[in-house]
C-alpha atoms as a PDB file:
ATOM      1  CA  MET A   1      96.162 153.416  17.053  1.00  0.00           C
ATOM      2  CA  LEU A   2      95.405 149.704  17.175  1.00  0.00           C
ATOM      3  CA  THR A   3      93.178 149.986  14.116  1.00  0.00           C
ATOM      4  CA  THR A   4      95.962 151.751  12.219  1.00  0.00           C
ATOM      5  CA  ILE A   5      98.340 148.904  13.033  1.00  0.00           C
ATOM      6  CA  ILE A   6      95.773 146.364  11.833  1.00  0.00           C
ATOM      7  CA  VAL A   7      95.219 148.353   8.622  1.00  0.00           C
ATOM      8  CA  LEU A   8      98.992 148.504   8.056  1.00  0.00           C
ATOM      9  CA  ILE A   9      99.273 144.740   8.500  1.00  0.00           C
ATOM     10  CA  ILE A  10      96.409 144.155   6.051  1.00  0.00           C
ATOM     11  CA  LEU A  11      97.953 146.544   3.534  1.00  0.00           C
ATOM     12  CA  TYR A  12     101.295 144.778   3.868  1.00  0.00           C
ATOM     13  CA  LEU A  13      99.659 141.427   3.150  1.00  0.00           C
ATOM     14  CA  ILE A  14      97.869 142.882   0.111  1.00  0.00           C
ATOM     15  CA  TYR A  15     101.169 144.378  -1.045  1.00  0.00           C
ATOM     16  CA  ARG A  16     102.933 140.997  -0.777  1.00  0.00           C
ATOM     17  CA  TRP A  17     100.029 139.386  -2.665  1.00  0.00           C
ATOM     18  CA  SER A  18     100.350 141.914  -5.494  1.00  0.00           C
ATOM     19  CA  VAL A  19     104.130 141.406  -5.671  1.00  0.00           C
ATOM     20  CA  ALA A  20     103.530 137.645  -5.898  1.00  0.00           C
ATOM     21  CA  TRP A  21     101.248 138.245  -8.902  1.00  0.00           C
ATOM     22  CA  ILE A  22     103.881 140.409 -10.579  1.00  0.00           C
ATOM     23  CA  ASN A  23     106.511 137.715 -10.013  1.00  0.00           C
ATOM     24  CA  TYR A  24     104.095 135.148 -11.450  1.00  0.00           C
ATOM     25  CA  TYR A  25     103.628 137.248 -14.597  1.00  0.00           C
ATOM     26  CA  ASN A  26     107.406 137.737 -14.834  1.00  0.00           C
ATOM     27  CA  LYS A  27     107.945 133.972 -14.852  1.00  0.00           C
ATOM     28  CA  LEU A  28     105.433 133.444 -17.674  1.00  0.00           C
ATOM     29  CA  ASP A  29     107.604 135.249 -20.233  1.00  0.00           C
ATOM     30  CA  LYS A  30     111.353 135.916 -20.195  1.00  0.00           C
ATOM     31  CA  ARG A  31     110.923 139.269 -21.969  1.00  0.00           C
ATOM     32  CA  PHE A  32     109.530 140.849 -18.779  1.00  0.00           C
ATOM     33  CA  GLY A  33     112.754 140.504 -16.837  1.00  0.00           C
ATOM     34  CA  LEU A  34     112.835 140.238 -13.065  1.00  0.00           C
ATOM     35  CA  SER A  35     111.902 143.776 -12.059  1.00  0.00           C
ATOM     36  CA  VAL A  36     108.886 144.226  -9.821  1.00  0.00           C
ATOM     37  CA  TRP A  37     108.762 148.038  -9.881  1.00  0.00           C
ATOM     38  CA  LYS A  38     109.260 148.704 -13.589  1.00  0.00           C
ATOM     39  CA  TYR A  39     106.492 148.890 -16.166  1.00  0.00           C
ATOM     40  CA  CYS A  40     106.959 147.120 -19.479  1.00  0.00           C
ATOM     41  CA  TYR A  41     106.725 149.797 -22.084  1.00  0.00           C
ATOM     42  CA  ASP A  42     103.500 149.816 -24.045  1.00  0.00           C
ATOM     43  CA  TYR A  43     104.499 152.910 -25.976  1.00  0.00           C
ATOM     44  CA  GLN A  44     107.087 153.803 -28.572  1.00  0.00           C
ATOM     45  CA  VAL A  45     110.635 154.031 -27.210  1.00  0.00           C
ATOM     46  CA  ILE A  46     113.281 155.684 -29.380  1.00  0.00           C
ATOM     47  CA  GLY A  47     115.652 153.081 -30.782  1.00  0.00           C
ATOM     48  CA  LYS A  48     113.550 150.055 -29.819  1.00  0.00           C
ATOM     49  CA  ARG A  49     110.797 148.363 -31.741  1.00  0.00           C
ATOM     50  CA  ASP A  50     107.806 147.532 -29.560  1.00  0.00           C
ATOM     51  CA  VAL A  51     105.898 144.295 -29.940  1.00  0.00           C
ATOM     52  CA  SER A  52     102.489 145.233 -31.269  1.00  0.00           C
ATOM     53  CA  PHE A  53      99.151 143.529 -30.832  1.00  0.00           C
ATOM     54  CA  LEU A  54      99.459 142.073 -34.320  1.00  0.00           C
ATOM     55  CA  ASP A  55     102.968 140.671 -33.740  1.00  0.00           C
ATOM     56  CA  ASP A  56     102.353 138.764 -30.508  1.00  0.00           C
ATOM     57  CA  LYS A  57      98.815 139.032 -29.176  1.00  0.00           C
ATOM     58  CA  GLU A  58      99.365 136.778 -26.130  1.00  0.00           C
ATOM     59  CA  PHE A  59     102.438 138.715 -24.973  1.00  0.00           C
ATOM     60  CA  VAL A  60     100.727 142.097 -25.344  1.00  0.00           C
ATOM     61  CA  LEU A  61      97.691 140.938 -23.351  1.00  0.00           C
ATOM     62  CA  LEU A  62      99.954 139.448 -20.686  1.00  0.00           C
ATOM     63  CA  ARG A  63     101.997 142.667 -20.584  1.00  0.00           C
ATOM     64  CA  ARG A  64      98.824 144.709 -20.025  1.00  0.00           C
ATOM     65  CA  LYS A  65      97.774 142.402 -17.164  1.00  0.00           C
ATOM     66  CA  ARG A  66     101.222 142.721 -15.619  1.00  0.00           C
ATOM     67  CA  ASN A  67     101.176 146.509 -15.938  1.00  0.00           C
ATOM     68  CA  ARG A  68      97.774 146.599 -14.197  1.00  0.00           C
ATOM     69  CA  ALA A  69      99.256 144.490 -11.385  1.00  0.00           C
ATOM     70  CA  VAL A  70     102.182 146.935 -11.109  1.00  0.00           C
ATOM     71  CA  THR A  71      99.732 149.870 -10.970  1.00  0.00           C
ATOM     72  CA  PHE A  72      97.791 148.138  -8.182  1.00  0.00           C
ATOM     73  CA  MET A  73     101.046 147.480  -6.311  1.00  0.00           C
ATOM     74  CA  TYR A  74     102.004 151.169  -6.548  1.00  0.00           C
ATOM     75  CA  PHE A  75      98.536 152.176  -5.303  1.00  0.00           C
ATOM     76  CA  ILE A  76      98.846 149.888  -2.260  1.00  0.00           C
ATOM     77  CA  PHE A  77     102.393 151.106  -1.604  1.00  0.00           C
ATOM     78  CA  PHE A  78     101.414 154.789  -1.543  1.00  0.00           C
ATOM     79  CA  LEU A  79      98.233 154.113   0.425  1.00  0.00           C
ATOM     80  CA  SER A  80     100.395 152.288   2.977  1.00  0.00           C
ATOM     81  CA  PHE A  81     102.679 155.313   3.144  1.00  0.00           C
ATOM     82  CA  ILE A  82      99.720 157.585   3.942  1.00  0.00           C
ATOM     83  CA  VAL A  83      98.427 155.201   6.623  1.00  0.00           C
ATOM     84  CA  PHE A  84     101.945 154.907   8.047  1.00  0.00           C
ATOM     85  CA  MET A  85     102.187 158.703   8.321  1.00  0.00           C
ATOM     86  CA  SER A  86      98.877 158.665  10.189  1.00  0.00           C
ATOM     87  CA  PHE A  87     100.298 156.030  12.521  1.00  0.00           C
ATOM     88  CA  MET A  88     103.417 158.117  13.137  1.00  0.00           C
ATOM     89  CA  ASN A  89     101.228 161.134  13.873  1.00  0.00           C
ATOM     90  CA  GLN A  90      99.217 159.157  16.425  1.00  0.00           C
ATOM     91  CA  LEU A  91     102.401 157.803  17.977  1.00  0.00           C
ATOM     92  CA  LEU A  92     103.986 161.260  18.292  1.00  0.00           C
ATOM     93  CA  LEU A  93     100.814 162.700  19.794  1.00  0.00           C
ATOM     94  CA  ARG A  94     100.768 159.909  22.351  1.00  0.00           C
ATOM     95  CA  ILE A  95     104.438 160.448  23.221  1.00  0.00           C
ATOM     96  CA  LEU A  96     104.176 164.233  23.512  1.00  0.00           C
ATOM     97  CA  SER A  97     101.018 164.282  25.598  1.00  0.00           C
END
């Protein structure tokens, strides 16, 4: 149970680190907005013209880096959820026995 708590603390710190990277990328270009959870679209959206690699190469590369950071953040978030469920299971077993 102690190791699960330590793993949860480490995952929380990694999560905060990944959110800090996303916020850093958001501040580099105003077109990203302030959302941490939302991907910037890298695909065709009806009614909106996407910035292509030929239009703005730096923005597209930065957008891909930011989207990778968002993917990593989601991975850490869901891994933390699984570890948290394991912690709850251990806690309930300790209470009931």
